Amino acid sequence: MITVKVCYESSGKPAKDKKVSIGVDELFRGGVTSSEWTDSNGEAHFDVEPCQGKVFVDGSTVHKGYLKGRIVVYV
């Protein structure tokens, strides 16, 4: 499982109701997940194994690299 926590860069507070998805950049299991909305803690949860990929928030790439566990991004 991968958890993405979205925070506002200006305040550091959790960003609620942001549309988050993960793009998997691996040969045999590539693609983009369904979108999830962040909860009141700014978190979106994905049932995805650790992988190389990207995190998208509201359609924009906010993180690239190896994805696993908990990832904190700022918007």
Protein backbone atom coordinates (compact mmCIF):
# COMPACT_ATOMS: atom_id res chain seq x y z
CA MET A 1 0.00 0.00 0.00
CA ILE A 2 1.12 3.52 -0.81
CA THR A 3 -0.17 6.55 1.09
CA VAL A 4 0.20 10.02 -0.39
CA LYS A 5 -0.11 12.94 2.05
CA VAL A 6 -0.73 16.28 0.37
CA CYS A 7 0.14 19.47 2.29
CA TYR A 8 0.00 23.13 1.40
CA GLU A 9 3.49 24.49 0.84
CA SER A 10 2.60 27.88 2.31
CA SER A 11 1.27 26.60 5.65
CA GLY A 12 2.28 22.95 5.91
CA LYS A 13 -1.35 22.06 6.68
CA PRO A 14 -3.05 19.01 5.12
CA ALA A 15 -4.82 19.64 1.81
CA LYS A 16 -8.34 18.17 1.84
CA ASP A 17 -10.29 17.23 -1.31
CA LYS A 18 -7.32 17.06 -3.68
CA LYS A 19 -7.52 14.57 -6.57
CA VAL A 20 -4.52 12.21 -6.40
CA SER A 21 -3.38 9.40 -8.69
CA ILE A 22 -0.24 7.34 -9.19
CA GLY A 23 1.43 6.60 -12.51
CA VAL A 24 3.37 3.32 -12.52
CA ASP A 25 6.44 3.40 -14.81
CA GLU A 26 7.29 -0.29 -14.96
CA LEU A 27 7.40 -2.51 -18.02
CA PHE A 28 4.83 -5.18 -17.17
CA ARG A 29 2.55 -3.24 -14.83
CA GLY A 30 2.55 0.31 -16.11
CA GLY A 31 -0.41 2.69 -16.14
CA VAL A 32 -2.23 5.18 -13.97
CA THR A 33 -4.37 4.29 -10.96
CA SER A 34 -7.90 5.48 -10.44
CA SER A 35 -8.04 8.84 -8.71
CA GLU A 36 -8.56 9.09 -4.96
CA TRP A 37 -9.56 12.23 -3.03
CA THR A 38 -7.55 13.32 -0.01
CA ASP A 39 -9.31 13.03 3.33
CA SER A 40 -9.33 15.57 6.19
CA ASN A 41 -5.73 14.54 7.00
CA GLY A 42 -4.65 15.24 3.41
CA GLU A 43 -4.13 11.52 2.74
CA ALA A 44 -5.04 9.33 -0.21
CA HIS A 45 -4.45 5.56 -0.06
CA PHE A 46 -3.60 3.24 -2.95
CA ASP A 47 -3.43 -0.55 -3.04
CA VAL A 48 -0.27 -0.52 -5.17
CA GLU A 49 2.99 -2.40 -4.63
CA PRO A 50 6.20 -0.32 -4.36
CA CYS A 51 7.23 0.82 -7.83
CA GLN A 52 9.00 3.39 -9.96
CA GLY A 53 6.52 6.10 -10.89
CA LYS A 54 4.91 9.51 -10.47
CA VAL A 55 2.40 11.13 -8.15
CA PHE A 56 -0.19 13.44 -9.67
CA VAL A 57 -2.26 15.98 -7.71
CA ASP A 58 -5.11 17.66 -9.59
CA GLY A 59 -3.51 16.52 -12.86
CA SER A 60 -0.02 17.92 -12.21
CA THR A 61 3.10 15.84 -11.53
CA VAL A 62 4.30 16.60 -7.99
CA HIS A 63 6.73 13.71 -7.38
CA LYS A 64 8.83 11.32 -9.49
CA GLY A 65 10.88 8.37 -8.31
CA TYR A 66 10.56 5.15 -6.36
CA LEU A 67 7.18 5.03 -4.62
CA LYS A 68 6.61 3.05 -1.43
CA GLY A 69 5.07 3.48 2.00
CA ARG A 70 4.16 7.07 2.79
CA ILE A 71 4.97 9.94 0.44
CA VAL A 72 4.50 13.58 1.48
CA VAL A 73 4.06 16.14 -1.29
CA TYR A 74 3.50 19.88 -1.19
CA VAL A 75 1.21 21.94 -3.42
